Amino acid sequence: MDIAVIVERLDDDYFKDTPLLWKLRRKISNLIEPVLLTEDMDNPLYCDIRKTGILIQ
């Protein structure tokens, strides 16, 4: 199951933040695949998620 984690902006080191998401998902389920994205209307994946995704808060 892909889960998009959408943030306003990323730190300079994307590869520092991503492993934290993978570590957190191990505590929940190995079936989860986190995808870290910024709010970027030029990104087709972000736009598709905005249209078809389900918001989890």
C-alpha atoms as a PDB file:
ATOM      1  CA  MET A   1       0.000   0.000   0.000  1.00  0.00           C
ATOM      2  CA  ASP A   2       1.509   3.320  -1.047  1.00  0.00           C
ATOM      3  CA  ILE A   3       1.058   6.194   1.378  1.00  0.00           C
ATOM      4  CA  ALA A   4       1.989   9.683   0.212  1.00  0.00           C
ATOM      5  CA  VAL A   5       3.407  11.908   2.919  1.00  0.00           C
ATOM      6  CA  ILE A   6       2.973  15.429   1.585  1.00  0.00           C
ATOM      7  CA  VAL A   7       4.896  18.296   3.141  1.00  0.00           C
ATOM      8  CA  GLU A   8       5.154  21.992   2.304  1.00  0.00           C
ATOM      9  CA  ARG A   9       8.905  21.759   1.852  1.00  0.00           C
ATOM     10  CA  LEU A  10      11.740  19.301   2.341  1.00  0.00           C
ATOM     11  CA  ASP A  11      15.015  19.791   4.131  1.00  0.00           C
ATOM     12  CA  ASP A  12      18.065  20.034   1.939  1.00  0.00           C
ATOM     13  CA  ASP A  13      18.784  16.339   2.498  1.00  0.00           C
ATOM     14  CA  TYR A  14      15.919  14.227   1.065  1.00  0.00           C
ATOM     15  CA  PHE A  15      17.801  11.037   1.906  1.00  0.00           C
ATOM     16  CA  LYS A  16      17.874  12.009   5.583  1.00  0.00           C
ATOM     17  CA  ASP A  17      14.075  12.297   5.864  1.00  0.00           C
ATOM     18  CA  THR A  18      13.079   9.269   3.807  1.00  0.00           C
ATOM     19  CA  PRO A  19      14.693   6.588   6.035  1.00  0.00           C
ATOM     20  CA  LEU A  20      12.726   7.955   8.995  1.00  0.00           C
ATOM     21  CA  LEU A  21       9.461   7.206   7.158  1.00  0.00           C
ATOM     22  CA  TRP A  22      10.605   3.653   6.417  1.00  0.00           C
ATOM     23  CA  LYS A  23      11.569   3.171  10.066  1.00  0.00           C
ATOM     24  CA  LEU A  24       8.159   4.406  11.248  1.00  0.00           C
ATOM     25  CA  ARG A  25       6.266   2.162   8.837  1.00  0.00           C
ATOM     26  CA  ARG A  26       8.087  -0.920  10.166  1.00  0.00           C
ATOM     27  CA  LYS A  27       6.308  -0.314  13.476  1.00  0.00           C
ATOM     28  CA  ILE A  28       2.930  -0.421  11.690  1.00  0.00           C
ATOM     29  CA  SER A  29       3.081  -2.735   8.671  1.00  0.00           C
ATOM     30  CA  ASN A  30       5.630  -3.963   6.159  1.00  0.00           C
ATOM     31  CA  LEU A  31       2.919  -3.598   3.497  1.00  0.00           C
ATOM     32  CA  ILE A  32       3.175   0.207   3.650  1.00  0.00           C
ATOM     33  CA  GLU A  33       5.425   2.005   1.181  1.00  0.00           C
ATOM     34  CA  PRO A  34       5.802   5.672   2.135  1.00  0.00           C
ATOM     35  CA  VAL A  35       6.308   8.219  -0.644  1.00  0.00           C
ATOM     36  CA  LEU A  36       7.617  11.619   0.441  1.00  0.00           C
ATOM     37  CA  LEU A  37       6.385  14.512  -1.732  1.00  0.00           C
ATOM     38  CA  THR A  38       6.189  18.274  -1.600  1.00  0.00           C
ATOM     39  CA  GLU A  39       3.109  20.295  -2.545  1.00  0.00           C
ATOM     40  CA  ASP A  40       4.037  20.793  -6.196  1.00  0.00           C
ATOM     41  CA  MET A  41       1.323  21.289  -8.817  1.00  0.00           C
ATOM     42  CA  ASP A  42       3.935  20.667 -11.546  1.00  0.00           C
ATOM     43  CA  ASN A  43       4.441  17.109 -10.270  1.00  0.00           C
ATOM     44  CA  PRO A  44       1.960  14.765 -12.036  1.00  0.00           C
ATOM     45  CA  LEU A  45       2.083  12.262  -9.151  1.00  0.00           C
ATOM     46  CA  TYR A  46       1.160  14.971  -6.646  1.00  0.00           C
ATOM     47  CA  CYS A  47      -1.727  16.142  -8.869  1.00  0.00           C
ATOM     48  CA  ASP A  48      -3.028  12.586  -9.250  1.00  0.00           C
ATOM     49  CA  ILE A  49      -2.888  12.031  -5.499  1.00  0.00           C
ATOM     50  CA  ARG A  50      -4.806  15.276  -4.924  1.00  0.00           C
ATOM     51  CA  LYS A  51      -7.533  14.054  -7.309  1.00  0.00           C
ATOM     52  CA  THR A  52      -7.838  10.403  -6.322  1.00  0.00           C
ATOM     53  CA  GLY A  53      -6.163  10.008  -2.933  1.00  0.00           C
ATOM     54  CA  ILE A  54      -7.830   9.622   0.445  1.00  0.00           C
ATOM     55  CA  LEU A  55      -6.798  12.124   3.120  1.00  0.00           C
ATOM     56  CA  ILE A  56      -5.637  10.555   6.378  1.00  0.00           C
ATOM     57  CA  GLN A  57      -4.928  12.917   9.265  1.00  0.00           C
END
